N, C-alpha and C. Protein backbone atom coordinates (compact mmCIF):
# COMPACT_ATOMS: atom_id res chain seq x y z
N MET A 1 2.60 32.09 19.36
CA MET A 1 2.93 30.68 19.50
C MET A 1 1.66 29.85 19.63
N PRO A 2 1.60 28.70 18.95
CA PRO A 2 0.40 27.87 19.06
C PRO A 2 0.31 27.24 20.44
N GLU A 3 -0.90 26.96 20.88
CA GLU A 3 -1.06 26.29 22.17
C GLU A 3 -0.66 24.82 22.07
N ILE A 4 -0.93 24.20 20.92
CA ILE A 4 -0.67 22.77 20.76
C ILE A 4 0.17 22.52 19.51
N SER A 5 1.23 21.73 19.68
CA SER A 5 2.02 21.24 18.54
C SER A 5 1.68 19.78 18.32
N ILE A 6 1.32 19.44 17.09
CA ILE A 6 0.99 18.07 16.72
C ILE A 6 2.10 17.54 15.82
N ILE A 7 2.70 16.43 16.22
CA ILE A 7 3.79 15.83 15.45
C ILE A 7 3.24 14.62 14.68
N LEU A 8 3.42 14.64 13.36
CA LEU A 8 2.93 13.56 12.51
C LEU A 8 4.12 12.92 11.80
N PRO A 9 4.66 11.81 12.32
CA PRO A 9 5.73 11.09 11.60
C PRO A 9 5.10 10.21 10.53
N THR A 10 5.72 10.11 9.37
CA THR A 10 5.14 9.29 8.30
C THR A 10 6.22 8.68 7.43
N TYR A 11 5.90 7.50 6.92
CA TYR A 11 6.82 6.81 6.01
C TYR A 11 6.01 5.97 5.03
N ASN A 12 5.98 6.42 3.78
CA ASN A 12 5.28 5.71 2.71
C ASN A 12 3.82 5.40 3.05
N ARG A 13 3.12 6.42 3.56
CA ARG A 13 1.72 6.24 3.91
C ARG A 13 0.84 7.24 3.15
N ALA A 14 1.19 7.47 1.90
CA ALA A 14 0.51 8.50 1.12
C ALA A 14 -1.00 8.29 1.08
N LYS A 15 -1.44 7.03 1.00
CA LYS A 15 -2.87 6.77 0.84
C LYS A 15 -3.68 7.11 2.09
N TYR A 16 -3.01 7.25 3.22
CA TYR A 16 -3.70 7.57 4.47
C TYR A 16 -3.67 9.06 4.82
N LEU A 17 -2.72 9.78 4.25
CA LEU A 17 -2.38 11.11 4.76
C LEU A 17 -3.50 12.14 4.67
N SER A 18 -4.24 12.14 3.59
CA SER A 18 -5.29 13.15 3.45
C SER A 18 -6.32 13.03 4.56
N ASN A 19 -6.77 11.81 4.85
CA ASN A 19 -7.74 11.62 5.93
C ASN A 19 -7.17 12.02 7.28
N CYS A 20 -5.90 11.67 7.50
CA CYS A 20 -5.24 12.00 8.75
C CYS A 20 -5.15 13.51 8.95
N ILE A 21 -4.62 14.20 7.96
CA ILE A 21 -4.43 15.65 8.07
C ILE A 21 -5.76 16.38 8.13
N ASN A 22 -6.73 15.93 7.35
CA ASN A 22 -8.06 16.57 7.40
C ASN A 22 -8.68 16.44 8.79
N SER A 23 -8.40 15.33 9.48
CA SER A 23 -8.95 15.17 10.83
C SER A 23 -8.35 16.17 11.81
N VAL A 24 -7.14 16.63 11.53
CA VAL A 24 -6.52 17.69 12.34
C VAL A 24 -7.17 19.04 11.99
N ILE A 25 -7.30 19.29 10.71
CA ILE A 25 -7.88 20.56 10.27
C ILE A 25 -9.30 20.75 10.80
N GLU A 26 -10.02 19.65 10.96
CA GLU A 26 -11.42 19.70 11.38
C GLU A 26 -11.60 19.74 12.90
N GLN A 27 -10.52 19.94 13.65
CA GLN A 27 -10.62 20.00 15.10
C GLN A 27 -11.45 21.20 15.58
N VAL A 28 -12.17 20.99 16.66
CA VAL A 28 -12.95 22.08 17.27
C VAL A 28 -12.02 23.19 17.72
N VAL A 29 -10.95 22.83 18.40
CA VAL A 29 -9.95 23.82 18.81
C VAL A 29 -8.99 24.03 17.64
N GLN A 30 -8.66 25.29 17.37
CA GLN A 30 -7.87 25.61 16.18
C GLN A 30 -6.51 26.23 16.49
N ASP A 31 -6.17 26.33 17.77
CA ASP A 31 -4.89 26.94 18.13
C ASP A 31 -3.79 25.87 18.14
N TRP A 32 -3.41 25.41 16.96
CA TRP A 32 -2.44 24.33 16.83
C TRP A 32 -1.51 24.58 15.64
N GLU A 33 -0.40 23.84 15.66
CA GLU A 33 0.45 23.72 14.48
C GLU A 33 0.63 22.22 14.22
N LEU A 34 0.75 21.87 12.95
CA LEU A 34 0.98 20.48 12.56
C LEU A 34 2.34 20.38 11.89
N ILE A 35 3.19 19.51 12.44
CA ILE A 35 4.53 19.31 11.89
C ILE A 35 4.59 17.90 11.31
N VAL A 36 4.62 17.81 9.99
CA VAL A 36 4.71 16.52 9.30
C VAL A 36 6.19 16.21 9.10
N VAL A 37 6.62 15.07 9.64
CA VAL A 37 8.03 14.66 9.53
C VAL A 37 8.08 13.41 8.66
N ASP A 38 8.58 13.57 7.46
CA ASP A 38 8.67 12.50 6.48
C ASP A 38 9.97 11.73 6.68
N ASP A 39 9.83 10.46 7.03
CA ASP A 39 10.98 9.63 7.36
C ASP A 39 11.56 8.94 6.12
N GLY A 40 11.74 9.73 5.05
CA GLY A 40 12.38 9.20 3.85
C GLY A 40 11.44 8.49 2.90
N SER A 41 10.19 8.94 2.79
CA SER A 41 9.21 8.27 1.93
C SER A 41 9.63 8.31 0.46
N ALA A 42 9.26 7.23 -0.25
CA ALA A 42 9.54 7.14 -1.68
C ALA A 42 8.24 7.14 -2.50
N ASP A 43 7.12 7.40 -1.85
CA ASP A 43 5.84 7.44 -2.56
C ASP A 43 5.43 8.91 -2.79
N GLU A 44 4.15 9.19 -2.88
CA GLU A 44 3.67 10.54 -3.19
C GLU A 44 3.38 11.37 -1.93
N THR A 45 4.06 11.05 -0.84
CA THR A 45 3.83 11.75 0.42
C THR A 45 3.99 13.27 0.26
N PHE A 46 5.08 13.71 -0.34
CA PHE A 46 5.31 15.16 -0.47
C PHE A 46 4.22 15.81 -1.29
N LYS A 47 3.81 15.19 -2.37
CA LYS A 47 2.79 15.75 -3.24
C LYS A 47 1.49 15.99 -2.47
N ILE A 48 1.12 15.04 -1.63
CA ILE A 48 -0.12 15.16 -0.86
C ILE A 48 0.02 16.22 0.23
N VAL A 49 1.12 16.14 1.00
CA VAL A 49 1.30 17.08 2.11
C VAL A 49 1.44 18.50 1.59
N ASN A 50 2.09 18.66 0.46
CA ASN A 50 2.34 20.00 -0.07
C ASN A 50 1.05 20.74 -0.40
N LEU A 51 0.00 20.01 -0.76
CA LEU A 51 -1.30 20.65 -1.01
C LEU A 51 -1.81 21.33 0.25
N PHE A 52 -1.57 20.70 1.40
CA PHE A 52 -1.99 21.29 2.67
C PHE A 52 -1.05 22.42 3.11
N VAL A 53 0.24 22.23 2.88
CA VAL A 53 1.23 23.25 3.25
C VAL A 53 0.96 24.55 2.50
N ASP A 54 0.61 24.43 1.23
CA ASP A 54 0.31 25.62 0.42
C ASP A 54 -0.92 26.37 0.92
N LYS A 55 -1.82 25.65 1.56
CA LYS A 55 -3.10 26.25 1.97
C LYS A 55 -3.10 26.72 3.41
N PHE A 56 -2.32 26.06 4.26
CA PHE A 56 -2.37 26.36 5.70
C PHE A 56 -0.98 26.73 6.22
N ASP A 57 -0.86 27.95 6.72
CA ASP A 57 0.43 28.41 7.24
C ASP A 57 0.87 27.62 8.47
N LYS A 58 -0.07 27.03 9.19
CA LYS A 58 0.30 26.34 10.42
C LYS A 58 0.63 24.86 10.22
N ILE A 59 0.79 24.46 8.96
CA ILE A 59 1.26 23.11 8.65
C ILE A 59 2.65 23.21 8.04
N ARG A 60 3.59 22.49 8.64
CA ARG A 60 4.97 22.49 8.14
C ARG A 60 5.40 21.06 7.80
N TYR A 61 6.37 20.97 6.88
CA TYR A 61 6.82 19.66 6.38
C TYR A 61 8.34 19.59 6.43
N PHE A 62 8.84 18.47 6.99
CA PHE A 62 10.28 18.20 7.02
C PHE A 62 10.52 16.80 6.47
N LYS A 63 11.67 16.60 5.89
CA LYS A 63 12.02 15.26 5.40
C LYS A 63 13.48 14.95 5.71
N HIS A 64 13.73 13.71 6.13
CA HIS A 64 15.09 13.24 6.32
C HIS A 64 15.17 11.79 5.85
N LYS A 65 16.37 11.24 5.86
CA LYS A 65 16.53 9.84 5.49
C LYS A 65 15.88 8.94 6.53
N ASN A 66 15.53 7.75 6.13
CA ASN A 66 14.78 6.82 6.98
C ASN A 66 15.53 6.52 8.28
N ARG A 67 14.93 6.95 9.41
CA ARG A 67 15.53 6.75 10.73
C ARG A 67 14.54 6.21 11.75
N LYS A 68 13.35 5.84 11.31
CA LYS A 68 12.30 5.25 12.15
C LYS A 68 11.50 6.32 12.92
N ALA A 69 10.37 5.84 13.50
CA ALA A 69 9.37 6.76 14.06
C ALA A 69 9.89 7.57 15.24
N GLY A 70 10.67 6.95 16.13
CA GLY A 70 11.16 7.66 17.30
C GLY A 70 12.00 8.87 16.92
N PHE A 71 12.88 8.69 15.95
CA PHE A 71 13.73 9.79 15.48
C PHE A 71 12.87 10.89 14.86
N SER A 72 11.85 10.49 14.09
CA SER A 72 10.98 11.47 13.45
C SER A 72 10.18 12.26 14.47
N ARG A 73 9.69 11.58 15.50
CA ARG A 73 8.97 12.29 16.55
C ARG A 73 9.90 13.29 17.25
N ASN A 74 11.13 12.88 17.50
CA ASN A 74 12.08 13.79 18.14
C ASN A 74 12.37 15.00 17.27
N ALA A 75 12.48 14.78 15.96
CA ALA A 75 12.72 15.91 15.04
C ALA A 75 11.55 16.88 15.10
N GLY A 76 10.33 16.34 15.18
CA GLY A 76 9.16 17.20 15.28
C GLY A 76 9.11 17.96 16.59
N ILE A 77 9.48 17.29 17.67
CA ILE A 77 9.53 17.96 18.98
C ILE A 77 10.50 19.12 18.93
N GLN A 78 11.68 18.91 18.36
CA GLN A 78 12.69 19.96 18.28
C GLN A 78 12.21 21.15 17.44
N ALA A 79 11.37 20.89 16.47
CA ALA A 79 10.89 21.96 15.58
C ALA A 79 9.62 22.63 16.09
N SER A 80 9.08 22.16 17.21
CA SER A 80 7.78 22.63 17.68
C SER A 80 7.88 23.92 18.48
N PHE A 81 6.73 24.59 18.61
CA PHE A 81 6.64 25.83 19.39
C PHE A 81 5.52 25.80 20.43
N GLY A 82 4.70 24.75 20.45
CA GLY A 82 3.51 24.73 21.28
C GLY A 82 3.77 24.59 22.76
N GLN A 83 2.81 25.06 23.57
CA GLN A 83 2.87 24.87 25.02
C GLN A 83 2.65 23.41 25.38
N TYR A 84 1.82 22.73 24.56
CA TYR A 84 1.58 21.30 24.71
C TYR A 84 2.03 20.60 23.44
N ILE A 85 2.49 19.36 23.60
CA ILE A 85 2.92 18.56 22.46
C ILE A 85 2.12 17.27 22.44
N THR A 86 1.65 16.92 21.26
CA THR A 86 0.93 15.66 21.07
C THR A 86 1.29 15.09 19.70
N PHE A 87 0.67 13.97 19.35
CA PHE A 87 1.09 13.24 18.15
C PHE A 87 -0.12 12.68 17.42
N ILE A 88 0.12 12.28 16.19
CA ILE A 88 -0.85 11.49 15.44
C ILE A 88 -0.05 10.65 14.45
N ASP A 89 -0.41 9.38 14.31
CA ASP A 89 0.24 8.54 13.31
C ASP A 89 -0.48 8.68 11.99
N SER A 90 0.25 8.51 10.91
CA SER A 90 -0.28 8.86 9.59
C SER A 90 -1.42 7.97 9.11
N ASP A 91 -1.60 6.79 9.71
CA ASP A 91 -2.72 5.94 9.32
C ASP A 91 -3.90 6.08 10.28
N ASP A 92 -3.80 7.01 11.23
CA ASP A 92 -4.87 7.23 12.22
C ASP A 92 -5.59 8.54 11.94
N ARG A 93 -6.58 8.83 12.80
CA ARG A 93 -7.26 10.12 12.67
C ARG A 93 -7.86 10.53 14.02
N TYR A 94 -8.06 11.83 14.16
CA TYR A 94 -8.71 12.40 15.34
C TYR A 94 -10.21 12.52 15.08
N LYS A 95 -11.00 12.35 16.13
CA LYS A 95 -12.38 12.83 16.09
C LYS A 95 -12.35 14.34 16.33
N PRO A 96 -13.37 15.07 15.88
CA PRO A 96 -13.30 16.54 15.92
C PRO A 96 -13.01 17.14 17.29
N GLU A 97 -13.43 16.48 18.36
CA GLU A 97 -13.26 17.03 19.70
C GLU A 97 -11.99 16.55 20.40
N HIS A 98 -11.12 15.84 19.69
CA HIS A 98 -9.96 15.23 20.34
C HIS A 98 -9.08 16.24 21.07
N LEU A 99 -8.57 17.22 20.35
CA LEU A 99 -7.66 18.18 20.97
C LEU A 99 -8.34 18.97 22.08
N GLN A 100 -9.58 19.35 21.86
CA GLN A 100 -10.31 20.12 22.87
C GLN A 100 -10.47 19.32 24.15
N SER A 101 -10.78 18.04 24.02
CA SER A 101 -10.97 17.21 25.21
C SER A 101 -9.68 17.06 26.00
N ARG A 102 -8.56 16.92 25.32
CA ARG A 102 -7.28 16.77 26.01
C ARG A 102 -6.83 18.08 26.65
N LEU A 103 -7.03 19.17 25.93
CA LEU A 103 -6.67 20.48 26.46
C LEU A 103 -7.50 20.81 27.69
N ASN A 104 -8.78 20.53 27.63
CA ASN A 104 -9.65 20.76 28.78
C ASN A 104 -9.21 19.94 29.98
N TYR A 105 -8.86 18.69 29.73
CA TYR A 105 -8.47 17.80 30.84
C TYR A 105 -7.20 18.31 31.51
N MET A 106 -6.24 18.73 30.72
CA MET A 106 -4.99 19.23 31.29
C MET A 106 -5.22 20.51 32.09
N LYS A 107 -6.11 21.36 31.63
CA LYS A 107 -6.38 22.61 32.34
C LYS A 107 -7.22 22.37 33.60
N GLN A 108 -8.03 21.32 33.58
CA GLN A 108 -8.80 20.96 34.77
C GLN A 108 -7.94 20.27 35.82
N HIS A 109 -6.80 19.72 35.38
CA HIS A 109 -5.88 19.01 36.27
C HIS A 109 -4.47 19.58 36.07
N PRO A 110 -4.23 20.80 36.51
CA PRO A 110 -2.95 21.47 36.25
C PRO A 110 -1.75 20.78 36.89
N GLU A 111 -2.01 19.88 37.83
CA GLU A 111 -0.91 19.15 38.46
C GLU A 111 -0.32 18.08 37.52
N LEU A 112 -1.07 17.72 36.47
CA LEU A 112 -0.60 16.69 35.54
C LEU A 112 0.37 17.27 34.52
N ASP A 113 1.33 16.43 34.12
CA ASP A 113 2.30 16.82 33.10
C ASP A 113 2.09 16.09 31.78
N LEU A 114 1.59 14.86 31.86
CA LEU A 114 1.47 14.04 30.66
C LEU A 114 0.31 13.07 30.82
N ILE A 115 -0.53 12.98 29.78
CA ILE A 115 -1.61 12.01 29.76
C ILE A 115 -1.51 11.18 28.49
N GLU A 116 -2.18 10.04 28.50
CA GLU A 116 -2.24 9.20 27.30
C GLU A 116 -3.50 8.36 27.35
N GLY A 117 -3.87 7.79 26.17
CA GLY A 117 -5.03 6.91 26.10
C GLY A 117 -6.24 7.59 25.51
N GLY A 118 -7.39 6.90 25.62
CA GLY A 118 -8.63 7.43 25.07
C GLY A 118 -8.74 7.21 23.57
N PHE A 119 -8.59 5.95 23.15
CA PHE A 119 -8.65 5.65 21.72
C PHE A 119 -9.58 4.48 21.47
N GLU A 120 -9.94 4.31 20.20
CA GLU A 120 -10.72 3.16 19.79
C GLU A 120 -10.23 2.65 18.45
N THR A 121 -10.57 1.42 18.13
CA THR A 121 -10.19 0.82 16.86
C THR A 121 -11.26 -0.17 16.44
N ASN A 122 -11.39 -0.37 15.15
CA ASN A 122 -12.36 -1.34 14.63
C ASN A 122 -11.79 -2.75 14.58
N GLU A 123 -10.49 -2.87 14.85
CA GLU A 123 -9.83 -4.17 14.76
C GLU A 123 -9.65 -4.79 16.14
N ASP A 124 -9.44 -6.10 16.14
CA ASP A 124 -9.03 -6.80 17.34
C ASP A 124 -7.51 -6.92 17.27
N VAL A 125 -6.82 -5.97 17.86
CA VAL A 125 -5.38 -5.82 17.66
C VAL A 125 -4.60 -6.44 18.83
N TRP A 126 -3.68 -7.34 18.50
CA TRP A 126 -2.79 -7.95 19.48
C TRP A 126 -1.36 -7.66 19.07
N VAL A 127 -0.55 -7.27 20.06
CA VAL A 127 0.83 -6.85 19.78
C VAL A 127 1.78 -7.51 20.79
N ALA A 128 3.06 -7.46 20.47
CA ALA A 128 4.07 -8.01 21.38
C ALA A 128 4.12 -7.19 22.66
N ASP A 129 4.20 -7.88 23.78
CA ASP A 129 4.27 -7.25 25.09
C ASP A 129 5.67 -6.67 25.31
N TYR A 130 5.73 -5.40 25.71
CA TYR A 130 7.01 -4.74 25.98
C TYR A 130 7.83 -5.52 27.00
N TYR A 131 7.18 -6.09 27.99
CA TYR A 131 7.88 -6.77 29.09
C TYR A 131 8.24 -8.22 28.75
N ASN A 132 7.55 -8.79 27.78
CA ASN A 132 7.81 -10.17 27.36
C ASN A 132 7.46 -10.28 25.88
N LEU A 133 8.47 -10.11 25.02
CA LEU A 133 8.22 -10.00 23.59
C LEU A 133 7.66 -11.29 22.99
N ASN A 134 7.73 -12.39 23.71
CA ASN A 134 7.17 -13.64 23.22
C ASN A 134 5.67 -13.77 23.52
N LYS A 135 5.14 -12.79 24.23
CA LYS A 135 3.75 -12.80 24.64
C LYS A 135 2.98 -11.72 23.87
N LYS A 136 1.74 -12.01 23.51
CA LYS A 136 0.88 -11.05 22.84
C LYS A 136 -0.15 -10.49 23.82
N ILE A 137 -0.37 -9.18 23.75
CA ILE A 137 -1.40 -8.54 24.56
C ILE A 137 -2.28 -7.67 23.68
N ASN A 138 -3.48 -7.39 24.16
CA ASN A 138 -4.40 -6.55 23.40
C ASN A 138 -3.93 -5.11 23.40
N ILE A 139 -4.16 -4.41 22.31
CA ILE A 139 -3.71 -3.02 22.17
C ILE A 139 -4.25 -2.12 23.28
N TYR A 140 -5.42 -2.47 23.84
CA TYR A 140 -5.99 -1.64 24.90
C TYR A 140 -5.22 -1.76 26.22
N GLU A 141 -4.35 -2.74 26.32
CA GLU A 141 -3.50 -2.88 27.51
C GLU A 141 -2.20 -2.08 27.37
N CYS A 142 -1.98 -1.51 26.21
CA CYS A 142 -0.70 -0.87 25.89
C CYS A 142 -0.74 0.64 26.12
N VAL A 143 0.44 1.19 26.18
CA VAL A 143 0.62 2.63 26.06
C VAL A 143 0.65 2.95 24.56
N LEU A 144 -0.17 3.89 24.12
CA LEU A 144 -0.23 4.22 22.70
C LEU A 144 0.36 5.62 22.48
N GLY A 145 1.59 5.63 21.98
CA GLY A 145 2.37 6.86 21.86
C GLY A 145 1.67 8.03 21.19
N PRO A 146 0.95 7.80 20.09
CA PRO A 146 0.33 8.96 19.44
C PRO A 146 -0.76 9.63 20.27
N THR A 147 -1.22 8.97 21.34
CA THR A 147 -2.21 9.62 22.20
C THR A 147 -1.56 10.44 23.32
N PHE A 148 -0.24 10.45 23.40
CA PHE A 148 0.44 11.28 24.41
C PHE A 148 0.03 12.74 24.21
N PHE A 149 -0.27 13.41 25.30
CA PHE A 149 -0.57 14.85 25.29
C PHE A 149 0.06 15.41 26.54
N GLY A 150 1.11 16.21 26.36
CA GLY A 150 1.85 16.65 27.53
C GLY A 150 2.40 18.05 27.42
N LYS A 151 2.82 18.55 28.56
CA LYS A 151 3.46 19.86 28.62
C LYS A 151 4.80 19.80 27.91
N ARG A 152 5.14 20.90 27.30
CA ARG A 152 6.33 20.95 26.44
C ARG A 152 7.60 20.48 27.15
N HIS A 153 7.79 20.92 28.38
CA HIS A 153 9.05 20.64 29.06
C HIS A 153 9.27 19.16 29.31
N VAL A 154 8.18 18.38 29.38
CA VAL A 154 8.30 16.95 29.64
C VAL A 154 9.16 16.27 28.59
N PHE A 155 8.87 16.53 27.33
CA PHE A 155 9.56 15.85 26.24
C PHE A 155 11.02 16.29 26.12
N PHE A 156 11.27 17.56 26.45
CA PHE A 156 12.65 18.03 26.39
C PHE A 156 13.47 17.52 27.56
N GLU A 157 12.88 17.47 28.74
CA GLU A 157 13.62 16.97 29.90
C GLU A 157 13.90 15.47 29.79
N LEU A 158 13.01 14.75 29.13
CA LEU A 158 13.24 13.32 28.90
C LEU A 158 14.11 13.05 27.68
N GLN A 159 14.44 14.10 26.97
CA GLN A 159 15.24 14.01 25.74
C GLN A 159 14.57 13.12 24.70
N GLY A 160 13.26 13.21 24.66
CA GLY A 160 12.48 12.56 23.61
C GLY A 160 12.48 11.05 23.68
N PHE A 161 12.23 10.47 22.52
CA PHE A 161 12.13 9.01 22.40
C PHE A 161 13.50 8.40 22.15
N LYS A 162 13.73 7.23 22.70
CA LYS A 162 14.98 6.53 22.47
C LYS A 162 14.94 5.80 21.13
N ASP A 163 16.12 5.54 20.58
CA ASP A 163 16.24 4.81 19.31
C ASP A 163 16.07 3.33 19.59
N MET A 164 14.83 2.85 19.45
CA MET A 164 14.50 1.46 19.75
C MET A 164 13.75 0.85 18.57
N ALA A 165 13.90 -0.45 18.39
CA ALA A 165 13.21 -1.14 17.30
C ALA A 165 11.72 -1.26 17.56
N TYR A 166 11.33 -1.21 18.84
CA TYR A 166 9.94 -1.45 19.19
C TYR A 166 9.63 -0.81 20.54
N ALA A 167 8.41 -0.33 20.69
CA ALA A 167 7.87 0.15 21.97
C ALA A 167 8.63 1.33 22.57
N GLU A 168 9.11 2.23 21.73
CA GLU A 168 9.78 3.42 22.25
C GLU A 168 8.80 4.32 23.00
N ASP A 169 7.51 4.20 22.69
CA ASP A 169 6.51 4.98 23.40
C ASP A 169 6.32 4.47 24.84
N THR A 170 6.33 3.14 25.01
CA THR A 170 6.24 2.57 26.37
C THR A 170 7.46 2.98 27.19
N ASP A 171 8.62 2.96 26.57
CA ASP A 171 9.84 3.36 27.27
C ASP A 171 9.75 4.81 27.73
N LEU A 172 9.28 5.71 26.88
CA LEU A 172 9.16 7.11 27.28
C LEU A 172 8.15 7.26 28.41
N TRP A 173 7.05 6.53 28.32
CA TRP A 173 6.03 6.63 29.37
C TRP A 173 6.59 6.19 30.72
N LEU A 174 7.34 5.10 30.74
CA LEU A 174 7.91 4.60 32.00
C LEU A 174 8.89 5.62 32.58
N ARG A 175 9.67 6.26 31.73
CA ARG A 175 10.60 7.29 32.22
C ARG A 175 9.83 8.50 32.73
N ALA A 176 8.72 8.83 32.06
CA ALA A 176 7.90 9.97 32.49
C ALA A 176 7.26 9.69 33.85
N GLU A 177 6.82 8.45 34.06
CA GLU A 177 6.19 8.10 35.34
C GLU A 177 7.13 8.29 36.53
N GLU A 178 8.42 8.13 36.29
CA GLU A 178 9.40 8.27 37.36
C GLU A 178 9.64 9.73 37.75
N LYS A 179 9.37 10.63 36.82
CA LYS A 179 9.79 12.03 37.02
C LYS A 179 8.63 13.02 37.06
N PHE A 180 7.50 12.67 36.45
CA PHE A 180 6.42 13.63 36.28
C PHE A 180 5.09 13.03 36.76
N ASN A 181 4.08 13.89 36.82
CA ASN A 181 2.73 13.46 37.14
C ASN A 181 2.03 13.02 35.86
N THR A 182 1.70 11.75 35.76
CA THR A 182 1.10 11.19 34.55
C THR A 182 -0.24 10.56 34.87
N ARG A 183 -1.04 10.38 33.84
CA ARG A 183 -2.32 9.71 34.03
C ARG A 183 -2.76 9.04 32.73
N LYS A 184 -3.25 7.81 32.85
CA LYS A 184 -3.80 7.10 31.71
C LYS A 184 -5.31 7.31 31.66
N LEU A 185 -5.82 7.65 30.48
CA LEU A 185 -7.24 7.88 30.29
C LEU A 185 -7.86 6.74 29.49
N THR A 186 -9.11 6.47 29.74
CA THR A 186 -9.86 5.56 28.87
C THR A 186 -10.95 6.29 28.10
N GLU A 187 -11.37 7.41 28.63
CA GLU A 187 -12.41 8.23 28.00
C GLU A 187 -11.96 9.69 27.97
N PRO A 188 -12.45 10.49 27.04
CA PRO A 188 -13.27 10.08 25.91
C PRO A 188 -12.42 9.44 24.81
N LYS A 189 -13.00 8.51 24.08
CA LYS A 189 -12.29 7.81 22.99
C LYS A 189 -12.37 8.66 21.72
N THR A 190 -11.46 9.60 21.62
CA THR A 190 -11.50 10.56 20.51
C THR A 190 -10.35 10.37 19.51
N TYR A 191 -9.52 9.36 19.75
CA TYR A 191 -8.43 9.03 18.83
C TYR A 191 -8.79 7.71 18.17
N PHE A 192 -8.79 7.69 16.83
CA PHE A 192 -9.15 6.46 16.12
C PHE A 192 -7.88 5.81 15.56
N TYR A 193 -7.61 4.60 16.05
CA TYR A 193 -6.39 3.88 15.70
C TYR A 193 -6.65 2.90 14.55
N THR A 194 -5.79 2.97 13.54
CA THR A 194 -5.83 2.04 12.41
C THR A 194 -4.44 1.44 12.25
N ARG A 195 -4.39 0.14 12.02
CA ARG A 195 -3.08 -0.50 11.86
C ARG A 195 -2.84 -0.82 10.39
N ALA A 196 -1.90 -0.11 9.79
CA ALA A 196 -1.57 -0.30 8.39
C ALA A 196 -0.92 -1.68 8.17
N GLU A 197 -0.88 -2.09 6.91
CA GLU A 197 -0.36 -3.41 6.56
C GLU A 197 1.11 -3.57 6.98
N ASP A 198 1.86 -2.49 6.91
CA ASP A 198 3.30 -2.57 7.22
C ASP A 198 3.62 -1.98 8.59
N SER A 199 2.64 -1.93 9.46
CA SER A 199 2.83 -1.37 10.79
C SER A 199 3.89 -2.15 11.58
N THR A 200 4.68 -1.42 12.35
CA THR A 200 5.69 -2.06 13.20
C THR A 200 5.05 -3.03 14.18
N SER A 201 3.93 -2.63 14.75
CA SER A 201 3.29 -3.49 15.74
C SER A 201 2.73 -4.76 15.12
N ARG A 202 2.43 -4.72 13.82
CA ARG A 202 1.92 -5.90 13.12
C ARG A 202 3.06 -6.86 12.78
N ASN A 203 4.20 -6.31 12.42
CA ASN A 203 5.27 -7.13 11.85
C ASN A 203 6.44 -7.40 12.79
N PHE A 204 6.44 -6.76 13.97
CA PHE A 204 7.58 -6.94 14.86
C PHE A 204 7.63 -8.38 15.38
């Protein structure tokens, strides 16, 4: 069984996928599986992912009809085998030490169940506030779902992400805070966030 399961939900992001998946392959720690969950893409997503699937036994691909990111993450969680579960969005990428840094942190703090944070971006990103959708806040004030790194049982006991139009990651984090030991990190910034043109956070 892999130590880490990485869930990659994607929808019509073919132009980003090679960089995203290569950033996983180039990780310092190699005890992982990557589960690509295609949320009904109509572009060349399968063609690109299949090149990696053919080459790497630890990369798997699933596809279903369009049901949004939360559903896709849940499908990946259900298909996973890792002791730890984490995520990556298809327009983002890991720095080479990302998984190693998170794994080390969890092992140094065995009392923790779920961590998040430690990302950077080249953009000045402002998004709708979960608590007041009419207000904009900087992305660094937010919970960023793809940076979640947690013990397997956390996601199953919380029954994954809820079916929400926006901020399903913030909702899961708030539920996790009530039941588990959580911690927000600012360093190391090993997750690189990119906001695609059709991103939910851009258009919501």
